[in-house]
Amino acid sequence: MEFGPEDLLEFGRYYLPSLICSLVACVVIFMASMLPTRFRPSSGFRRIFGVCLVPLPPVCWLIYFIVTSDLTYTLVLLGSESSAVAERTYVNRLRKQVNTLDAAVRLAVNKHQEPNVRFYASCLIADMLVTNDGAMTEAVFKKVENAEEIQTEFFDGNRLTDGFYVPGHAQVHLPVRDIVERRLRALRSTTR
C-alpha cells in the first residue's frame, strides 16, 4: 500500500494526544509518589507502590495503540490523496474490518471522522443493505436521517465515487441517507 508522509502525519495525529496524556499521567504519578516521602519519611511503601504505578499509563496506551492501529490505518488510507489507494483500502480492508451494519452506521454518522471516511462508510452501508429486505433498510435510514452532511474532499475519482463526483467539478455535499440511497439504487440496477 502507498503510505505517504501526509498519511503518516495523519496517523500520528490520531495517537499523539493520547500519548501525551499517558506521559503526563506518568509524571503526575511519579510526583505524587514522591511527595509523601518528603513530608513523612516513614512512608516508603507508598513510594515504592507509586513508583511501580509509573509505567502503567504507557502500558495502557501501548495496548490501546495495538488494538486500534489497524482500523486507524484503514481510516487514514481512506482519506488519502490517492483515489486508487482509497478504493483499494475500501475493498481490501474496510469491508473486512467493519463487518456489521451498526459499525458502518456509527462510522458514517460520526461527525468527528474525516468526510471521505464517512462517504466510504456510507457506501459500505449500501453494500451491506443490497441483499437485505425493506424493513432493515428503513431502520438504517432512520438511524442516518439526522446525520451531518458530508462535504467530501476528493482529489480524483474511482469506481466508488463515479456516481457522485466528477474530477474537476465541485465537491460532493450530500447527506448520508442520499449517498446510501444512490449507491443502493446503482448496486441493485447492476445486479439485475
C-alpha atoms as a PDB file:
ATOM      1  CA  MET A   1       0.000   0.000   0.000  1.00  0.00           C
ATOM      2  CA  GLU A   2       1.039   3.570  -0.586  1.00  0.00           C
ATOM      3  CA  PHE A   3       1.529   5.350   2.697  1.00  0.00           C
ATOM      4  CA  GLY A   4       2.931   8.831   2.123  1.00  0.00           C
ATOM      5  CA  PRO A   5       4.290  11.417   4.556  1.00  0.00           C
ATOM      6  CA  GLU A   6       0.896  13.148   4.789  1.00  0.00           C
ATOM      7  CA  ASP A   7      -0.713   9.853   5.732  1.00  0.00           C
ATOM      8  CA  LEU A   8       1.963   9.239   8.365  1.00  0.00           C
ATOM      9  CA  LEU A   9       1.300  12.673   9.872  1.00  0.00           C
ATOM     10  CA  GLU A  10      -2.428  11.962   9.907  1.00  0.00           C
ATOM     11  CA  PHE A  11      -1.800   8.589  11.578  1.00  0.00           C
ATOM     12  CA  GLY A  12       0.325  10.313  14.232  1.00  0.00           C
ATOM     13  CA  ARG A  13      -2.383  12.937  14.762  1.00  0.00           C
ATOM     14  CA  TYR A  14      -4.728  10.185  15.930  1.00  0.00           C
ATOM     15  CA  TYR A  15      -2.366   8.967  18.642  1.00  0.00           C
ATOM     16  CA  LEU A  16      -0.288  11.962  19.741  1.00  0.00           C
ATOM     17  CA  PRO A  17      -2.842  13.451  22.192  1.00  0.00           C
ATOM     18  CA  SER A  18      -3.362  10.143  23.994  1.00  0.00           C
ATOM     19  CA  LEU A  19       0.401   9.511  24.138  1.00  0.00           C
ATOM     20  CA  ILE A  20       0.983  12.951  25.665  1.00  0.00           C
ATOM     21  CA  CYS A  21      -1.763  12.297  28.226  1.00  0.00           C
ATOM     22  CA  SER A  22      -0.187   8.988  29.222  1.00  0.00           C
ATOM     23  CA  LEU A  23       3.224  10.635  29.656  1.00  0.00           C
ATOM     24  CA  VAL A  24       1.710  13.438  31.746  1.00  0.00           C
ATOM     25  CA  ALA A  25      -0.019  10.787  33.870  1.00  0.00           C
ATOM     26  CA  CYS A  26       3.373   9.107  34.426  1.00  0.00           C
ATOM     27  CA  VAL A  27       4.871  12.369  35.671  1.00  0.00           C
ATOM     28  CA  VAL A  28       1.882  13.048  37.941  1.00  0.00           C
ATOM     29  CA  ILE A  29       2.017   9.540  39.415  1.00  0.00           C
ATOM     30  CA  PHE A  30       5.761   9.847  39.988  1.00  0.00           C
ATOM     31  CA  MET A  31       5.405  13.251  41.648  1.00  0.00           C
ATOM     32  CA  ALA A  32       2.502  12.033  43.785  1.00  0.00           C
ATOM     33  CA  SER A  33       4.526   9.032  44.925  1.00  0.00           C
ATOM     34  CA  MET A  34       7.498  11.221  45.903  1.00  0.00           C
ATOM     35  CA  LEU A  35       5.543  13.860  47.873  1.00  0.00           C
ATOM     36  CA  PRO A  36       4.546  11.639  50.826  1.00  0.00           C
ATOM     37  CA  THR A  37       8.183  10.622  51.420  1.00  0.00           C
ATOM     38  CA  ARG A  38       9.221  14.260  51.526  1.00  0.00           C
ATOM     39  CA  PHE A  39       6.734  15.111  54.267  1.00  0.00           C
ATOM     40  CA  ARG A  40       6.655  11.698  56.002  1.00  0.00           C
ATOM     41  CA  PRO A  41       9.884   9.758  55.657  1.00  0.00           C
ATOM     42  CA  SER A  42       8.256   6.612  57.101  1.00  0.00           C
ATOM     43  CA  SER A  43       6.001   6.158  54.026  1.00  0.00           C
ATOM     44  CA  GLY A  44       8.487   4.107  51.973  1.00  0.00           C
ATOM     45  CA  PHE A  45       5.810   1.592  50.992  1.00  0.00           C
ATOM     46  CA  ARG A  46       3.740   4.333  49.356  1.00  0.00           C
ATOM     47  CA  ARG A  47       6.772   5.497  47.407  1.00  0.00           C
ATOM     48  CA  ILE A  48       7.565   2.006  46.150  1.00  0.00           C
ATOM     49  CA  PHE A  49       3.912   1.410  45.240  1.00  0.00           C
ATOM     50  CA  GLY A  50       3.729   4.776  43.461  1.00  0.00           C
ATOM     51  CA  VAL A  51       6.924   4.152  41.502  1.00  0.00           C
ATOM     52  CA  CYS A  52       5.557   0.767  40.419  1.00  0.00           C
ATOM     53  CA  LEU A  53       2.460   2.549  39.044  1.00  0.00           C
ATOM     54  CA  VAL A  54       4.510   4.955  36.894  1.00  0.00           C
ATOM     55  CA  PRO A  55       4.744   2.614  33.848  1.00  0.00           C
ATOM     56  CA  LEU A  56       1.019   1.793  33.958  1.00  0.00           C
ATOM     57  CA  PRO A  57      -0.199   4.692  31.698  1.00  0.00           C
ATOM     58  CA  PRO A  58       2.292   3.950  28.869  1.00  0.00           C
ATOM     59  CA  VAL A  59       1.464   0.243  29.056  1.00  0.00           C
ATOM     60  CA  CYS A  60      -2.260   1.059  28.783  1.00  0.00           C
ATOM     61  CA  TRP A  61      -1.518   3.405  25.869  1.00  0.00           C
ATOM     62  CA  LEU A  62       0.500   0.690  24.124  1.00  0.00           C
ATOM     63  CA  ILE A  63      -2.397  -1.767  24.484  1.00  0.00           C
ATOM     64  CA  TYR A  64      -4.783   0.895  23.130  1.00  0.00           C
ATOM     65  CA  PHE A  65      -2.436   1.522  20.173  1.00  0.00           C
ATOM     66  CA  ILE A  66      -2.125  -2.179  19.347  1.00  0.00           C
ATOM     67  CA  VAL A  67      -5.887  -2.729  19.486  1.00  0.00           C
ATOM     68  CA  THR A  68      -6.866   0.307  17.393  1.00  0.00           C
ATOM     69  CA  SER A  69      -3.960   0.866  14.987  1.00  0.00           C
ATOM     70  CA  ASP A  70      -5.209  -1.461  12.232  1.00  0.00           C
ATOM     71  CA  LEU A  71      -8.565   0.311  11.888  1.00  0.00           C
ATOM     72  CA  THR A  72      -6.908   3.722  12.265  1.00  0.00           C
ATOM     73  CA  TYR A  73      -4.507   2.834   9.452  1.00  0.00           C
ATOM     74  CA  THR A  74      -7.505   1.933   7.282  1.00  0.00           C
ATOM     75  CA  LEU A  75      -9.311   5.189   8.091  1.00  0.00           C
ATOM     76  CA  VAL A  76      -6.192   7.228   7.285  1.00  0.00           C
ATOM     77  CA  LEU A  77      -5.828   5.492   3.913  1.00  0.00           C
ATOM     78  CA  LEU A  78      -9.492   6.165   3.085  1.00  0.00           C
ATOM     79  CA  GLY A  79      -8.732   9.865   3.406  1.00  0.00           C
ATOM     80  CA  SER A  80      -5.615   9.526   1.232  1.00  0.00           C
ATOM     81  CA  GLU A  81      -4.982  11.926  -1.635  1.00  0.00           C
ATOM     82  CA  SER A  82      -4.795   8.973  -3.999  1.00  0.00           C
ATOM     83  CA  SER A  83      -8.241   7.773  -5.037  1.00  0.00           C
ATOM     84  CA  ALA A  84      -6.768   4.433  -6.111  1.00  0.00           C
ATOM     85  CA  VAL A  85      -5.382   3.896  -2.593  1.00  0.00           C
ATOM     86  CA  ALA A  86      -8.750   4.805  -1.087  1.00  0.00           C
ATOM     87  CA  GLU A  87     -10.566   2.370  -3.387  1.00  0.00           C
ATOM     88  CA  ARG A  88      -8.129  -0.475  -2.634  1.00  0.00           C
ATOM     89  CA  THR A  89      -8.415   0.263   1.065  1.00  0.00           C
ATOM     90  CA  TYR A  90     -12.199   0.153   0.861  1.00  0.00           C
ATOM     91  CA  VAL A  91     -12.201  -3.187  -0.970  1.00  0.00           C
ATOM     92  CA  ASN A  92      -9.350  -4.906   0.859  1.00  0.00           C
ATOM     93  CA  ARG A  93      -9.528  -3.515   4.376  1.00  0.00           C
ATOM     94  CA  LEU A  94     -12.675  -1.573   5.333  1.00  0.00           C
ATOM     95  CA  ARG A  95     -15.121  -4.251   4.185  1.00  0.00           C
ATOM     96  CA  LYS A  96     -13.278  -6.816   6.330  1.00  0.00           C
ATOM     97  CA  GLN A  97     -12.746  -4.670   9.410  1.00  0.00           C
ATOM     98  CA  VAL A  98     -16.169  -3.045   9.594  1.00  0.00           C
ATOM     99  CA  ASN A  99     -18.258  -6.158   9.198  1.00  0.00           C
ATOM    100  CA  THR A 100     -21.511  -5.175  10.917  1.00  0.00           C
ATOM    101  CA  LEU A 101     -24.158  -2.770   9.743  1.00  0.00           C
ATOM    102  CA  ASP A 102     -24.214  -0.958  13.096  1.00  0.00           C
ATOM    103  CA  ALA A 103     -20.457  -0.346  12.967  1.00  0.00           C
ATOM    104  CA  ALA A 104     -20.754   1.066   9.446  1.00  0.00           C
ATOM    105  CA  VAL A 105     -23.634   3.330  10.509  1.00  0.00           C
ATOM    106  CA  ARG A 106     -21.662   4.596  13.528  1.00  0.00           C
ATOM    107  CA  LEU A 107     -18.732   5.401  11.273  1.00  0.00           C
ATOM    108  CA  ALA A 108     -20.918   7.186   8.710  1.00  0.00           C
ATOM    109  CA  VAL A 109     -22.738   9.403  11.214  1.00  0.00           C
ATOM    110  CA  ASN A 110     -19.688  10.237  13.342  1.00  0.00           C
ATOM    111  CA  LYS A 111     -19.091  13.927  12.691  1.00  0.00           C
ATOM    112  CA  HIS A 112     -15.551  13.631  14.093  1.00  0.00           C
ATOM    113  CA  GLN A 113     -14.482  11.345  11.238  1.00  0.00           C
ATOM    114  CA  GLU A 114     -12.948  12.705   8.052  1.00  0.00           C
ATOM    115  CA  PRO A 115     -15.559  13.435   5.323  1.00  0.00           C
ATOM    116  CA  ASN A 116     -14.101  10.870   2.914  1.00  0.00           C
ATOM    117  CA  VAL A 117     -14.172   8.188   5.629  1.00  0.00           C
ATOM    118  CA  ARG A 118     -17.847   8.977   6.243  1.00  0.00           C
ATOM    119  CA  PHE A 119     -18.506   8.783   2.488  1.00  0.00           C
ATOM    120  CA  TYR A 120     -16.904   5.343   2.168  1.00  0.00           C
ATOM    121  CA  ALA A 121     -18.741   4.156   5.289  1.00  0.00           C
ATOM    122  CA  SER A 122     -21.992   5.266   3.634  1.00  0.00           C
ATOM    123  CA  CYS A 123     -21.060   3.232   0.550  1.00  0.00           C
ATOM    124  CA  LEU A 124     -20.375   0.269   2.830  1.00  0.00           C
ATOM    125  CA  ILE A 125     -23.853   0.606   4.341  1.00  0.00           C
ATOM    126  CA  ALA A 126     -25.357   0.379   0.854  1.00  0.00           C
ATOM    127  CA  ASP A 127     -23.191  -2.652   0.057  1.00  0.00           C
ATOM    128  CA  MET A 128     -24.496  -4.364   3.184  1.00  0.00           C
ATOM    129  CA  LEU A 129     -28.121  -3.426   2.512  1.00  0.00           C
ATOM    130  CA  VAL A 130     -28.209  -4.566  -1.114  1.00  0.00           C
ATOM    131  CA  THR A 131     -29.224  -8.111  -0.098  1.00  0.00           C
ATOM    132  CA  ASN A 132     -31.459  -7.166   2.843  1.00  0.00           C
ATOM    133  CA  ASP A 133     -35.190  -6.599   2.976  1.00  0.00           C
ATOM    134  CA  GLY A 134     -37.000  -3.267   3.072  1.00  0.00           C
ATOM    135  CA  ALA A 135     -37.590  -3.294   6.841  1.00  0.00           C
ATOM    136  CA  MET A 136     -33.861  -3.366   7.547  1.00  0.00           C
ATOM    137  CA  THR A 137     -33.268  -0.613   5.001  1.00  0.00           C
ATOM    138  CA  GLU A 138     -35.890   1.652   6.585  1.00  0.00           C
ATOM    139  CA  ALA A 139     -34.413   1.061  10.048  1.00  0.00           C
ATOM    140  CA  VAL A 140     -30.988   2.120   8.780  1.00  0.00           C
ATOM    141  CA  PHE A 141     -32.433   5.177   7.038  1.00  0.00           C
ATOM    142  CA  LYS A 142     -33.940   6.276  10.367  1.00  0.00           C
ATOM    143  CA  LYS A 143     -30.523   5.960  12.042  1.00  0.00           C
ATOM    144  CA  VAL A 144     -28.766   8.091   9.409  1.00  0.00           C
ATOM    145  CA  GLU A 145     -31.604  10.569   8.855  1.00  0.00           C
ATOM    146  CA  ASN A 146     -30.202  13.350  11.057  1.00  0.00           C
ATOM    147  CA  ALA A 147     -26.522  12.794  10.312  1.00  0.00           C
ATOM    148  CA  GLU A 148     -24.475  15.836   9.419  1.00  0.00           C
ATOM    149  CA  GLU A 149     -23.980  16.451   5.687  1.00  0.00           C
ATOM    150  CA  ILE A 150     -20.788  15.018   4.220  1.00  0.00           C
ATOM    151  CA  GLN A 151     -18.600  17.568   2.475  1.00  0.00           C
ATOM    152  CA  THR A 152     -16.140  15.335   0.653  1.00  0.00           C
ATOM    153  CA  GLU A 153     -12.573  16.230  -0.231  1.00  0.00           C
ATOM    154  CA  PHE A 154     -11.817  14.031  -3.244  1.00  0.00           C
ATOM    155  CA  PHE A 155      -8.732  14.685  -5.350  1.00  0.00           C
ATOM    156  CA  ASP A 156      -9.610  12.225  -8.096  1.00  0.00           C
ATOM    157  CA  GLY A 157     -12.354   9.743  -8.942  1.00  0.00           C
ATOM    158  CA  ASN A 158     -12.631   5.971  -8.550  1.00  0.00           C
ATOM    159  CA  ARG A 159     -15.355   3.353  -9.011  1.00  0.00           C
ATOM    160  CA  LEU A 160     -16.976   4.270  -5.690  1.00  0.00           C
ATOM    161  CA  THR A 161     -17.089   7.990  -6.356  1.00  0.00           C
ATOM    162  CA  ASP A 162     -18.206   7.698 -10.002  1.00  0.00           C
ATOM    163  CA  GLY A 163     -21.878   8.294  -9.350  1.00  0.00           C
ATOM    164  CA  PHE A 164     -21.180  11.210  -7.036  1.00  0.00           C
ATOM    165  CA  TYR A 165     -18.097  13.118  -8.138  1.00  0.00           C
ATOM    166  CA  VAL A 166     -16.614  14.184 -11.469  1.00  0.00           C
ATOM    167  CA  PRO A 167     -12.952  15.255 -11.229  1.00  0.00           C
ATOM    168  CA  GLY A 168     -12.521  18.943 -11.943  1.00  0.00           C
ATOM    169  CA  HIS A 169     -16.034  19.823 -10.766  1.00  0.00           C
ATOM    170  CA  ALA A 170     -17.453  20.930  -7.423  1.00  0.00           C
ATOM    171  CA  GLN A 171     -17.110  18.577  -4.471  1.00  0.00           C
ATOM    172  CA  VAL A 172     -19.994  16.418  -3.284  1.00  0.00           C
ATOM    173  CA  HIS A 173     -22.058  17.732  -0.373  1.00  0.00           C
ATOM    174  CA  LEU A 174     -24.690  15.123   0.437  1.00  0.00           C
ATOM    175  CA  PRO A 175     -26.450  13.750   3.489  1.00  0.00           C
ATOM    176  CA  VAL A 176     -25.540  10.179   4.449  1.00  0.00           C
ATOM    177  CA  ARG A 177     -29.011   8.945   3.518  1.00  0.00           C
ATOM    178  CA  ASP A 178     -28.710  10.303  -0.037  1.00  0.00           C
ATOM    179  CA  ILE A 179     -25.354   8.600  -0.546  1.00  0.00           C
ATOM    180  CA  VAL A 180     -26.727   5.292   0.747  1.00  0.00           C
ATOM    181  CA  GLU A 181     -29.863   5.548  -1.418  1.00  0.00           C
ATOM    182  CA  ARG A 182     -27.979   6.447  -4.599  1.00  0.00           C
ATOM    183  CA  ARG A 183     -25.382   3.716  -4.136  1.00  0.00           C
ATOM    184  CA  LEU A 184     -28.101   1.198  -3.262  1.00  0.00           C
ATOM    185  CA  ARG A 185     -30.015   2.047  -6.465  1.00  0.00           C
ATOM    186  CA  ALA A 186     -26.833   1.733  -8.519  1.00  0.00           C
ATOM    187  CA  LEU A 187     -25.967  -1.632  -6.959  1.00  0.00           C
ATOM    188  CA  ARG A 188     -29.471  -3.020  -7.430  1.00  0.00           C
ATOM    189  CA  SER A 189     -29.601  -1.897 -11.058  1.00  0.00           C
ATOM    190  CA  THR A 190     -26.312  -3.634 -11.872  1.00  0.00           C
ATOM    191  CA  THR A 191     -27.328  -6.910 -10.216  1.00  0.00           C
ATOM    192  CA  ARG A 192     -30.499  -7.261 -12.293  1.00  0.00           C
END
